[in-house]
Amino acid sequence: MSGHSDDELLIERSRQGDREAFDTLIENHEKRAYQYALRLTSNPDEASDIVSDAFIRIYTALKNFKGNSAFNTWMYRILTNCYLDHRKRERNRQHSSLDATTGTDPAIAPREFEDRSEGPIELAERDAREQMIQTAIARLPEYQQAMLVMYHGESLSYEEIAEALDLPLGTVKSRLNRARLSLRELLIGNEELFRIG
């Protein structure tokens, strides 16, 4: 709870023109914002661009922040909108391969694994699973990608997602369920990689 009241104080000081207070507010939230953007994009450069755009929007709109929700929730809404806008601009600009846009071509960027406890077969299977999931998620509509990342990647509750996206709770639950079903359909045929035990 103290984090929320700290945010309120920093927001109030920022509104009064205290640049240092705004910088502190951003420092308190930039790591979480970047992690969310990176989970959405799988591309460090694109994630940085989205976070930069979001913090510019936050700075501009801070005077309109009413405090009805937590700053974090408001930040997720702005990050999601920046992500959707960024994707829209990219679609209008060009059509390129999925590997090029996500920066995940293993031939260009070989992976390094820090976990030495697993053998090469387990590592290869884990890498294949992660790659397959990322590729499948990238094929979903952007709003479904955002919801999956918010719920499974950022551990936000249904209520927090509803607040962040300004949607009714029932809509969030049904859309998230549809997103999971769509993801499952995209992964059908690869059950051997997802066996447990």
Foldseek 3Di string as FASTA:
>chain_A
DVVQVLLVVLLVVVVVPDVVSLVVNCVVCVVVQLQLLCLLQLANVRSVVLSVVLSVVCSVCSVVDPSPDGPVLQSLLSSLVSVLVVVVVVVVVDDDDPCVRNVPDCVVPPDDDPPPPDDPVVVVLVVVVVVLLSVLLVPDPSVLSSLCCVCVVVVDDLVSNCSSNVHDSVVSVVSNVVSVVSSVVSCPPVVVSVDDD
